[in-house]
Amino acid sequence: MKDIGSELLAKKETILDNWIDAVRRDAEIDSAKSLAYQSVKDSLPFILEAIASLLNKNRDDDKPQQIERESLEHGLTRAEQGYDAAEIVREYRLLRQVIFTVLEPALLTGSGREVLETVKTIDTVLDKVIAISLESYVEARVNEVKQVQNQLMLTNQELTRLVESQKDNLSHLAHELKNPLNAIVSFSTLLLQQQQKSTQEPGNTLNLQTIERVLNNGQQLLRLINNALEVSRYESDRIELNLKPVEVKTLIQDITNALETSIGDKEIEVILDCANAPETIISDPLRLRQIISNLVSNALRYTERGKIEITCSQPDESCWVFSVSDTGRGISLEDRQQIFEPFYRVGSQEDYLPQSTGLGLAIVNKLVKLFQGQIELQSELGKGSAFTVTLPQKLQNQSS
């Protein structure tokens, strides 16, 4: 049989050309299509030379080491070029086919035993090359993942720092705005009272309207700032609960009486049912008042006619439940997914109510979580909504 090693060296360029052509035409090796000839060829000439040397009678002891070095390099290169593992295996399979196709005339000149030994040698070398290439390829990919992970961790830390910085800035700005706004509201209230007590003259009407507008807008802006501060305190874990006994029925009755004055000309009936409410609970009365008043205010704001029903009950000795339901606009399924997000308001911008800040329900949700409770929403567009809150009867500080 002809010297297959010499034959392989003589046909090396033919094998490389045919192999690169086969790789580029193969639909399963997409990564090679945008690479130049030299980039696809990579270290294959050295691997072919090493195989040829092993096929020769006078084998070079350094060739196995050369095959390992070139195989490792090939795997790293393919990782840098964006190959996936299946593409690497595929291109070596094509190389095996091309080698045997080109060497077929020379192989046919030998005996069956010689052919089997030659095929076995080539297969063994190519199997080893594939294994080493994949090993270095996987190692390179793992290193890439580690680098990306480290970069993501650094980016996340920077984003967290920026967010915290913005929270501090927002909190500081809100505090700075509160003092002048309080002054505007106070002086506007005083002027309005003086105007109302003075003799009603035609020229005073405009002054009253102007002062009322200043007062209403100042109060609205003050509510927005107070609500933003409340959200900021919760997110910064700066809310401390002041736990004490609370008479539930009295608290809810006081809130309802205070808010009924905002009904105005609306045809709304407020129904209060606290017959099954617990007598006394352990809670933070200020924060509990915020939860209930925000839910009732929300119901009053979005209900034009019908009824608002506030119920309270005690399912067992460990928890108590109150619900605020209305016959108002209702909330769509899409809006229900985001209704508790800060600054989110239901409907289009044209439907927004001027007194709504988009923070009331966000505060309710955060306080309910702080109270170790749950809040549920059931709603239907055009028919109304029902918010149900379940809270422990004896609230405990989470730090205790």
Protein backbone atom coordinates (compact mmCIF):
# COMPACT_ATOMS: atom_id res chain seq x y z
CA MET A 1 0.00 0.00 0.00
CA LYS A 2 1.15 3.52 -0.69
CA ASP A 3 2.62 5.57 2.15
CA ILE A 4 -0.63 7.06 3.50
CA GLY A 5 1.24 9.61 5.63
CA SER A 6 3.05 11.03 2.58
CA GLU A 7 -0.17 10.86 0.57
CA LEU A 8 -1.97 12.86 3.26
CA LEU A 9 0.72 15.55 3.22
CA ALA A 10 0.66 15.70 -0.58
CA LYS A 11 -3.14 16.10 -0.61
CA LYS A 12 -3.24 18.44 2.42
CA GLU A 13 -4.34 21.55 0.51
CA THR A 14 -6.96 19.59 -1.42
CA ILE A 15 -8.35 18.20 1.84
CA LEU A 16 -8.43 21.68 3.40
CA ASP A 17 -10.15 23.26 0.37
CA ASN A 18 -12.75 20.51 0.16
CA TRP A 19 -13.34 20.60 3.90
CA ILE A 20 -13.80 24.38 4.10
CA ASP A 21 -16.17 24.24 1.13
CA ALA A 22 -18.19 21.48 2.86
CA VAL A 23 -18.28 23.43 6.14
CA ARG A 24 -19.54 26.59 4.43
CA ARG A 25 -22.23 24.71 2.57
CA ASP A 26 -23.40 22.83 5.65
CA ALA A 27 -26.64 24.37 6.95
CA GLU A 28 -25.88 23.18 10.50
CA ILE A 29 -22.62 25.18 10.80
CA ASP A 30 -23.96 28.71 10.58
CA SER A 31 -21.07 30.33 12.46
CA ALA A 32 -18.56 29.59 9.66
CA LYS A 33 -20.49 31.43 6.95
CA SER A 34 -19.29 34.88 7.99
CA LEU A 35 -15.64 33.85 8.57
CA ALA A 36 -12.74 34.30 6.18
CA TYR A 37 -10.97 31.27 4.67
CA GLN A 38 -8.01 31.53 7.05
CA SER A 39 -10.26 31.79 10.10
CA VAL A 40 -12.15 28.62 9.19
CA LYS A 41 -8.94 26.77 8.38
CA ASP A 42 -7.47 27.74 11.77
CA SER A 43 -5.08 25.02 13.06
CA LEU A 44 -6.29 22.20 10.80
CA PRO A 45 -3.04 22.12 8.68
CA PHE A 46 -1.00 21.33 11.81
CA ILE A 47 -3.48 18.62 12.85
CA LEU A 48 -3.26 17.04 9.38
CA GLU A 49 0.55 17.16 9.51
CA ALA A 50 0.50 15.48 12.92
CA ILE A 51 -1.82 12.74 11.65
CA ALA A 52 0.48 12.21 8.65
CA SER A 53 3.48 11.88 10.95
CA LEU A 54 1.70 9.26 13.06
CA LEU A 55 0.86 7.31 9.91
CA ASN A 56 4.54 7.25 8.87
CA LYS A 57 6.81 4.48 10.06
CA ASN A 58 9.31 6.90 11.69
CA ARG A 59 6.95 8.62 14.13
CA ASP A 60 7.95 11.85 15.85
CA ASP A 61 7.50 11.60 19.63
CA ASP A 62 6.51 15.28 19.73
CA LYS A 63 3.51 14.82 17.42
CA PRO A 64 1.04 13.65 20.10
CA GLN A 65 1.89 16.74 22.13
CA GLN A 66 1.53 18.91 19.03
CA ILE A 67 -1.90 17.41 18.34
CA GLU A 68 -2.97 18.20 21.91
CA ARG A 69 -1.66 21.78 21.69
CA GLU A 70 -3.34 22.46 18.37
CA SER A 71 -6.59 20.84 19.47
CA LEU A 72 -6.70 23.00 22.59
CA GLU A 73 -6.01 26.07 20.48
CA HIS A 74 -8.69 25.10 18.00
CA GLY A 75 -11.32 24.80 20.75
CA LEU A 76 -10.41 28.21 22.18
CA THR A 77 -10.54 29.79 18.72
CA ARG A 78 -13.96 28.32 17.98
CA ALA A 79 -15.24 29.67 21.32
CA GLU A 80 -14.00 33.16 20.41
CA GLN A 81 -15.61 32.84 16.97
CA GLY A 82 -19.01 32.09 18.52
CA TYR A 83 -19.36 28.43 17.53
CA ASP A 84 -21.55 26.17 19.58
CA ALA A 85 -20.42 22.67 20.56
CA ALA A 86 -22.61 20.94 17.96
CA GLU A 87 -20.96 22.95 15.17
CA ILE A 88 -17.49 21.86 16.30
CA VAL A 89 -18.52 18.20 16.30
CA ARG A 90 -20.14 18.67 12.91
CA GLU A 91 -17.06 20.19 11.28
CA TYR A 92 -14.83 17.36 12.51
CA ARG A 93 -17.31 14.84 11.13
CA LEU A 94 -17.02 16.56 7.75
CA LEU A 95 -13.22 16.53 8.04
CA ARG A 96 -13.28 12.76 8.59
CA GLN A 97 -15.43 12.27 5.48
CA VAL A 98 -13.21 14.51 3.33
CA ILE A 99 -9.98 12.79 4.46
CA PHE A 100 -11.26 9.30 3.59
CA THR A 101 -12.73 10.51 0.28
CA VAL A 102 -9.43 12.08 -0.82
CA LEU A 103 -7.31 9.16 0.42
CA GLU A 104 -9.63 6.48 -0.98
CA PRO A 105 -7.52 5.74 -4.14
CA ALA A 106 -4.39 5.26 -1.99
CA LEU A 107 -6.23 3.12 0.58
CA LEU A 108 -7.52 0.79 -2.14
CA THR A 109 -3.91 -0.18 -3.00
CA GLY A 110 -3.36 -1.81 0.39
CA SER A 111 -4.51 -5.00 2.02
CA GLY A 112 -7.58 -5.16 4.22
CA ARG A 113 -5.45 -5.30 7.34
CA GLU A 114 -3.45 -2.23 6.28
CA VAL A 115 -6.60 -0.31 5.48
CA LEU A 116 -8.15 -1.16 8.85
CA GLU A 117 -5.03 -0.09 10.74
CA THR A 118 -4.86 3.21 8.81
CA VAL A 119 -8.57 3.95 9.35
CA LYS A 120 -8.21 3.09 13.03
CA THR A 121 -5.24 5.45 13.41
CA ILE A 122 -7.03 8.35 11.69
CA ASP A 123 -10.24 7.75 13.69
CA THR A 124 -8.33 7.57 16.98
CA VAL A 125 -6.50 10.82 16.31
CA LEU A 126 -9.66 12.65 15.20
CA ASP A 127 -11.61 11.38 18.24
CA LYS A 128 -8.86 12.66 20.50
CA VAL A 129 -8.76 15.99 18.67
CA ILE A 130 -12.53 16.39 19.04
CA ALA A 131 -12.44 15.57 22.76
CA ILE A 132 -9.59 18.01 23.50
CA SER A 133 -11.12 20.76 21.35
CA LEU A 134 -14.45 20.44 23.13
CA GLU A 135 -12.72 20.46 26.52
CA SER A 136 -10.94 23.73 25.80
CA TYR A 137 -14.10 25.12 24.16
CA VAL A 138 -16.19 24.41 27.29
CA GLU A 139 -13.50 25.88 29.54
CA ALA A 140 -13.45 29.06 27.45
CA ARG A 141 -17.25 29.31 27.60
CA VAL A 142 -17.24 28.82 31.38
CA ASN A 143 -14.68 31.61 31.73
CA GLU A 144 -16.88 33.85 29.58
CA VAL A 145 -19.86 33.11 31.82
CA LYS A 146 -17.79 33.95 34.90
CA GLN A 147 -16.69 37.23 33.36
CA VAL A 148 -20.27 38.12 32.44
CA GLN A 149 -21.42 37.16 35.92
CA ASN A 150 -18.77 39.35 37.53
CA GLN A 151 -19.69 42.23 35.25
CA LEU A 152 -23.37 41.81 36.04
CA MET A 153 -22.64 41.80 39.76
CA LEU A 154 -20.66 45.03 39.44
CA THR A 155 -23.40 46.57 37.31
CA ASN A 156 -26.06 45.48 39.79
CA GLN A 157 -24.10 47.00 42.66
CA GLU A 158 -23.76 50.26 40.77
CA LEU A 159 -27.45 50.31 39.89
CA THR A 160 -28.36 49.62 43.51
CA ARG A 161 -26.12 52.46 44.63
CA LEU A 162 -27.69 54.82 42.12
CA VAL A 163 -31.21 53.81 43.11
CA GLU A 164 -30.43 54.31 46.79
CA SER A 165 -28.85 57.65 45.97
CA GLN A 166 -31.97 58.71 44.07
CA LYS A 167 -34.17 57.61 46.97
CA ASP A 168 -32.15 59.76 49.33
CA ASN A 169 -32.32 62.67 46.91
CA LEU A 170 -36.09 62.27 46.52
CA SER A 171 -36.59 62.08 50.26
CA HIS A 172 -34.42 65.15 50.82
CA LEU A 173 -36.20 67.11 48.08
CA ALA A 174 -39.60 66.19 49.47
CA HIS A 175 -38.62 67.36 52.94
CA GLU A 176 -37.33 70.64 51.51
CA LEU A 177 -40.60 71.19 49.62
CA LYS A 178 -42.85 70.44 52.57
CA ASN A 179 -42.02 73.58 54.58
CA PRO A 180 -42.84 76.18 51.89
CA LEU A 181 -45.88 74.17 50.83
CA ASN A 182 -47.17 74.04 54.38
CA ALA A 183 -46.74 77.79 54.55
CA ILE A 184 -48.63 78.27 51.25
CA VAL A 185 -51.51 76.09 52.42
CA SER A 186 -51.66 77.77 55.85
CA PHE A 187 -51.62 81.31 54.52
CA SER A 188 -54.11 80.43 51.76
CA THR A 189 -56.44 78.95 54.36
CA LEU A 190 -56.15 82.06 56.51
CA LEU A 191 -56.79 84.39 53.56
CA LEU A 192 -59.76 82.32 52.47
CA GLN A 193 -61.28 82.47 55.95
CA GLN A 194 -60.77 86.24 56.08
CA GLN A 195 -62.33 86.72 52.66
CA GLN A 196 -65.34 84.60 53.60
CA LYS A 197 -65.92 86.62 56.78
CA SER A 198 -65.59 89.98 55.04
CA THR A 199 -68.47 91.80 53.42
CA GLN A 200 -69.51 90.10 50.22
CA GLU A 201 -68.74 92.59 47.47
CA PRO A 202 -68.74 91.91 43.71
CA GLY A 203 -65.03 92.53 43.50
CA ASN A 204 -64.20 89.85 46.05
CA THR A 205 -65.44 86.88 43.96
CA LEU A 206 -62.31 86.60 41.86
CA ASN A 207 -60.09 86.80 44.95
CA LEU A 208 -61.99 83.92 46.55
CA GLN A 209 -61.73 81.77 43.43
CA THR A 210 -58.01 82.49 43.09
CA ILE A 211 -57.29 81.68 46.72
CA GLU A 212 -59.34 78.47 46.50
CA ARG A 213 -57.34 77.35 43.48
CA VAL A 214 -54.04 78.07 45.26
CA LEU A 215 -55.28 76.20 48.31
CA ASN A 216 -56.56 73.15 46.38
CA ASN A 217 -53.40 72.81 44.30
CA GLY A 218 -51.18 73.32 47.33
CA GLN A 219 -53.04 70.63 49.26
CA GLN A 220 -52.82 68.26 46.30
CA LEU A 221 -49.07 68.81 45.96
CA LEU A 222 -48.63 68.34 49.70
CA ARG A 223 -50.52 65.02 49.54
CA LEU A 224 -48.28 63.87 46.70
CA ILE A 225 -45.12 64.71 48.64
CA ASN A 226 -46.38 63.08 51.83
CA ASN A 227 -47.29 59.92 49.91
CA ALA A 228 -43.93 59.86 48.12
CA LEU A 229 -42.18 60.19 51.47
CA GLU A 230 -44.27 57.33 52.84
CA VAL A 231 -43.24 55.03 49.97
CA SER A 232 -39.61 56.11 50.36
CA ARG A 233 -39.66 55.34 54.09
CA TYR A 234 -41.08 51.88 53.49
CA GLU A 235 -38.55 51.01 50.78
CA SER A 236 -35.72 52.23 53.02
CA ASP A 237 -37.02 50.16 55.99
CA ARG A 238 -37.40 53.34 58.03
CA ILE A 239 -40.96 52.74 59.25
CA GLU A 240 -41.15 51.83 62.92
CA LEU A 241 -44.44 50.43 64.19
CA ASN A 242 -45.95 51.90 67.35
CA LEU A 243 -47.99 48.98 68.60
CA LYS A 244 -50.82 49.46 71.09
CA PRO A 245 -54.40 48.26 71.68
CA VAL A 246 -56.81 49.58 69.06
CA GLU A 247 -60.63 49.57 69.16
CA VAL A 248 -61.44 48.53 65.61
CA LYS A 249 -65.10 49.61 65.46
CA THR A 250 -64.35 53.10 66.81
CA LEU A 251 -61.43 53.58 64.43
CA ILE A 252 -63.40 52.56 61.34
CA GLN A 253 -66.41 54.65 62.40
CA ASP A 254 -64.21 57.74 62.86
CA ILE A 255 -62.58 57.27 59.44
CA THR A 256 -65.94 56.77 57.74
CA ASN A 257 -67.49 59.85 59.37
CA ALA A 258 -64.51 62.01 58.38
CA LEU A 259 -64.54 60.86 54.75
CA GLU A 260 -68.30 61.06 54.21
CA THR A 261 -67.95 64.83 53.93
CA SER A 262 -66.12 64.32 50.60
CA ILE A 263 -69.16 62.66 48.98
CA GLY A 264 -70.51 66.06 47.92
CA ASP A 265 -73.24 65.83 45.29
CA LYS A 266 -72.63 62.16 44.51
CA GLU A 267 -75.52 59.76 45.00
CA ILE A 268 -73.65 57.36 47.24
CA GLU A 269 -74.82 55.41 50.28
CA VAL A 270 -72.10 54.43 52.74
CA ILE A 271 -72.87 51.18 54.58
CA LEU A 272 -70.85 50.21 57.64
CA ASP A 273 -71.08 46.68 59.05
CA CYS A 274 -68.76 46.00 61.98
CA ALA A 275 -71.06 43.78 64.06
CA ASN A 276 -68.61 40.86 63.84
CA ALA A 277 -65.44 42.92 64.25
CA PRO A 278 -63.00 42.12 67.08
CA GLU A 279 -63.31 44.45 70.05
CA THR A 280 -59.60 45.17 70.45
CA ILE A 281 -56.50 44.34 68.42
CA ILE A 282 -52.78 45.03 68.83
CA SER A 283 -51.66 47.23 65.95
CA ASP A 284 -50.23 50.59 64.92
CA PRO A 285 -53.29 52.90 64.91
CA LEU A 286 -51.69 55.53 62.66
CA ARG A 287 -50.65 53.06 59.95
CA LEU A 288 -53.90 51.14 60.25
CA ARG A 289 -55.81 54.39 59.77
CA GLN A 290 -53.75 55.00 56.62
CA ILE A 291 -54.70 51.61 55.18
CA ILE A 292 -58.43 51.97 55.84
CA SER A 293 -58.74 55.66 54.90
CA ASN A 294 -56.81 55.16 51.64
CA LEU A 295 -59.09 52.29 50.60
CA VAL A 296 -62.26 54.20 51.51
CA SER A 297 -60.97 57.38 49.82
CA ASN A 298 -60.18 55.36 46.70
CA ALA A 299 -63.72 53.95 46.65
CA LEU A 300 -65.26 57.43 47.09
CA ARG A 301 -63.05 58.89 44.38
CA TYR A 302 -64.02 56.38 41.70
CA THR A 303 -67.69 55.90 42.56
CA GLU A 304 -70.30 58.34 41.22
CA ARG A 305 -73.46 56.60 42.40
CA GLY A 306 -74.56 53.48 44.22
CA LYS A 307 -73.01 52.36 47.47
CA ILE A 308 -69.78 51.85 49.33
CA GLU A 309 -69.82 49.04 51.87
CA ILE A 310 -67.27 48.64 54.66
CA THR A 311 -67.42 45.32 56.50
CA CYS A 312 -65.31 43.90 59.28
CA SER A 313 -65.23 40.39 60.73
CA GLN A 314 -63.20 37.98 62.83
CA PRO A 315 -62.74 34.56 61.13
CA ASP A 316 -60.73 33.21 64.08
CA GLU A 317 -58.71 34.31 67.07
CA SER A 318 -55.52 34.88 65.09
CA CYS A 319 -56.71 37.28 62.37
CA TRP A 320 -59.38 39.79 61.40
CA VAL A 321 -60.67 40.90 58.00
CA PHE A 322 -62.08 44.13 56.63
CA SER A 323 -63.38 44.80 53.15
CA VAL A 324 -64.15 47.98 51.20
CA SER A 325 -66.42 47.41 48.20
CA ASP A 326 -67.98 49.91 45.82
CA THR A 327 -70.18 50.17 42.74
CA GLY A 328 -67.75 52.40 40.85
CA ARG A 329 -65.78 52.16 37.62
CA GLY A 330 -64.20 48.79 38.28
CA ILE A 331 -60.69 47.77 37.27
CA SER A 332 -59.68 45.85 34.16
CA LEU A 333 -57.64 42.64 34.39
CA GLU A 334 -54.64 44.40 32.83
CA ASP A 335 -54.77 47.25 35.35
CA ARG A 336 -55.19 44.81 38.24
CA GLN A 337 -51.68 43.49 37.55
CA GLN A 338 -50.18 46.93 38.27
CA ILE A 339 -52.70 48.63 40.53
CA PHE A 340 -50.41 48.46 43.57
CA GLU A 341 -47.38 49.92 41.75
CA PRO A 342 -46.31 53.46 42.77
CA PHE A 343 -47.64 56.26 40.53
CA TYR A 344 -49.81 53.85 38.52
CA ARG A 345 -53.28 55.19 37.78
CA VAL A 346 -56.16 53.34 36.19
CA GLY A 347 -57.41 54.27 32.73
CA SER A 348 -56.08 56.71 30.14
CA GLN A 349 -54.49 60.04 30.97
CA GLU A 350 -57.73 61.82 30.03
CA ASP A 351 -59.58 59.83 32.73
CA TYR A 352 -57.17 60.64 35.56
CA LEU A 353 -58.78 62.38 38.51
CA PRO A 354 -56.89 65.53 39.59
CA GLN A 355 -56.88 64.50 43.26
CA SER A 356 -55.31 61.11 42.49
CA THR A 357 -51.54 60.75 42.99
CA GLY A 358 -51.23 57.07 42.07
CA LEU A 359 -49.63 56.35 45.45
CA GLY A 360 -52.57 55.53 47.73
CA LEU A 361 -52.91 51.85 46.86
CA ALA A 362 -49.13 51.44 46.69
CA ILE A 363 -48.92 52.67 50.29
CA VAL A 364 -51.77 50.34 51.30
CA ASN A 365 -50.01 47.35 49.74
CA LYS A 366 -46.68 48.14 51.41
CA LEU A 367 -48.28 48.72 54.82
CA VAL A 368 -50.29 45.50 54.59
CA LYS A 369 -47.04 43.62 53.94
CA LEU A 370 -45.42 45.45 56.84
CA PHE A 371 -48.36 44.32 58.99
CA GLN A 372 -47.66 40.71 57.87
CA GLY A 373 -51.07 40.58 56.20
CA GLN A 374 -52.61 40.03 52.78
CA ILE A 375 -54.71 42.12 50.41
CA GLU A 376 -56.99 40.76 47.68
CA LEU A 377 -58.79 42.55 44.87
CA GLN A 378 -61.94 41.49 43.05
CA SER A 379 -63.27 43.79 40.36
CA GLU A 380 -65.36 44.01 37.22
CA LEU A 381 -65.38 46.90 34.77
CA GLY A 382 -68.47 49.04 35.14
CA LYS A 383 -69.70 47.19 38.23
CA GLY A 384 -67.23 48.04 40.97
CA SER A 385 -64.37 46.72 43.07
CA ALA A 386 -63.80 45.05 46.43
CA PHE A 387 -60.53 45.23 48.39
CA THR A 388 -60.26 42.66 51.20
CA VAL A 389 -57.48 42.91 53.78
CA THR A 390 -56.56 40.17 56.25
CA LEU A 391 -54.40 41.19 59.22
CA PRO A 392 -53.17 39.50 62.43
CA GLN A 393 -55.09 40.43 65.59
CA LYS A 394 -51.87 40.76 67.56
CA LEU A 395 -49.25 42.43 65.38
CA GLN A 396 -45.61 41.99 66.34
CA ASN A 397 -42.57 43.92 65.23
CA GLN A 398 -40.61 41.83 62.74
CA SER A 399 -37.38 42.66 64.54
CA SER A 400 -38.69 41.20 67.78
